[in-house]
Amino acid sequence: MSAATTIVVAREDFSIPGGEYHVEDAAVLAMQPEFRFFHLLREAKPDVVLLDLSRASGNGVETILKIRSPSQVKT
């Protein structure tokens, strides 16, 4: 019997590769990737979150801290 693993891939701006969509309201557009990302985490309860920080230019720490803040896992 095989087990399924749920993986979420996201960029530093919380956008999901392949999940782009068009919205005309600039405020909504700015908020939606982060909102969608955290909604997906709550709904899917993934086993793995993979961050693509290849375009982050060293600014990925803020993204990591935002993701970890609601987590019960602390270092």
Protein backbone atom coordinates (compact mmCIF):
# COMPACT_ATOMS: atom_id res chain seq x y z
CA MET A 1 0.00 0.00 0.00
CA SER A 2 1.41 3.40 -0.95
CA ALA A 3 0.88 6.64 0.93
CA ALA A 4 0.19 9.94 -0.79
CA THR A 5 2.26 12.99 0.07
CA THR A 6 0.92 16.50 -0.36
CA ILE A 7 3.47 19.08 -1.48
CA VAL A 8 2.87 22.81 -1.87
CA VAL A 9 5.33 24.80 -3.99
CA ALA A 10 5.38 28.58 -3.59
CA ARG A 11 7.58 31.54 -4.44
CA GLU A 12 8.84 34.22 -2.04
CA ASP A 13 5.79 36.39 -2.84
CA PHE A 14 3.48 33.46 -1.94
CA SER A 15 2.42 32.99 -5.54
CA ILE A 16 1.98 29.40 -6.64
CA PRO A 17 3.74 28.42 -9.89
CA GLY A 18 1.11 27.65 -12.52
CA GLY A 19 -1.60 29.24 -10.36
CA GLU A 20 -1.49 32.75 -11.82
CA TYR A 21 -4.78 34.45 -12.59
CA HIS A 22 -5.91 37.91 -13.63
CA VAL A 23 -7.48 40.43 -11.23
CA GLU A 24 -7.97 44.10 -12.08
CA ASP A 25 -8.08 45.55 -8.54
CA ALA A 26 -4.46 46.31 -7.55
CA ALA A 27 -5.13 45.99 -3.78
CA VAL A 28 -6.80 42.62 -4.26
CA LEU A 29 -4.02 41.51 -6.57
CA ALA A 30 -1.38 42.39 -3.96
CA MET A 31 -3.20 40.47 -1.20
CA GLN A 32 -4.40 37.41 -3.07
CA PRO A 33 -1.23 35.32 -3.42
CA GLU A 34 -0.57 35.40 0.33
CA PHE A 35 -4.25 34.82 1.18
CA ARG A 36 -4.50 31.94 -1.31
CA PHE A 37 -1.27 30.40 0.00
CA PHE A 38 -2.39 30.33 3.64
CA HIS A 39 -5.88 29.18 2.65
CA LEU A 40 -4.28 26.31 0.73
CA LEU A 41 -2.18 25.39 3.77
CA ARG A 42 -5.27 25.29 6.00
CA GLU A 43 -7.27 23.26 3.50
CA ALA A 44 -4.64 20.84 2.16
CA LYS A 45 -2.60 20.36 5.34
CA PRO A 46 0.45 19.56 3.21
CA ASP A 47 3.23 17.28 4.33
CA VAL A 48 5.83 19.49 2.63
CA VAL A 49 6.05 23.19 1.75
CA LEU A 50 8.71 23.85 -0.87
CA LEU A 51 9.76 27.47 -1.34
CA ASP A 52 11.25 28.53 -4.65
CA LEU A 53 13.53 31.34 -3.51
CA SER A 54 15.58 31.41 -6.71
CA ARG A 55 14.28 34.92 -7.55
CA ALA A 56 14.23 36.22 -3.95
CA SER A 57 17.66 37.90 -4.17
CA GLY A 58 18.35 37.00 -0.54
CA ASN A 59 14.97 38.28 0.69
CA GLY A 60 13.44 34.89 1.47
CA VAL A 61 13.87 35.15 5.25
CA GLU A 62 10.73 37.31 5.62
CA THR A 63 8.71 34.73 3.70
CA ILE A 64 9.99 31.91 5.89
CA LEU A 65 9.17 33.84 9.07
CA LYS A 66 5.61 34.57 7.86
CA ILE A 67 5.05 30.89 7.14
CA ARG A 68 6.51 29.74 10.46
CA SER A 69 4.76 32.34 12.65
CA PRO A 70 1.49 30.40 13.05
CA SER A 71 3.35 27.10 13.38
CA GLN A 72 3.65 25.31 16.69
CA VAL A 73 7.15 24.18 15.73
CA LYS A 74 9.69 26.57 17.24
CA THR A 75 13.48 26.53 17.26
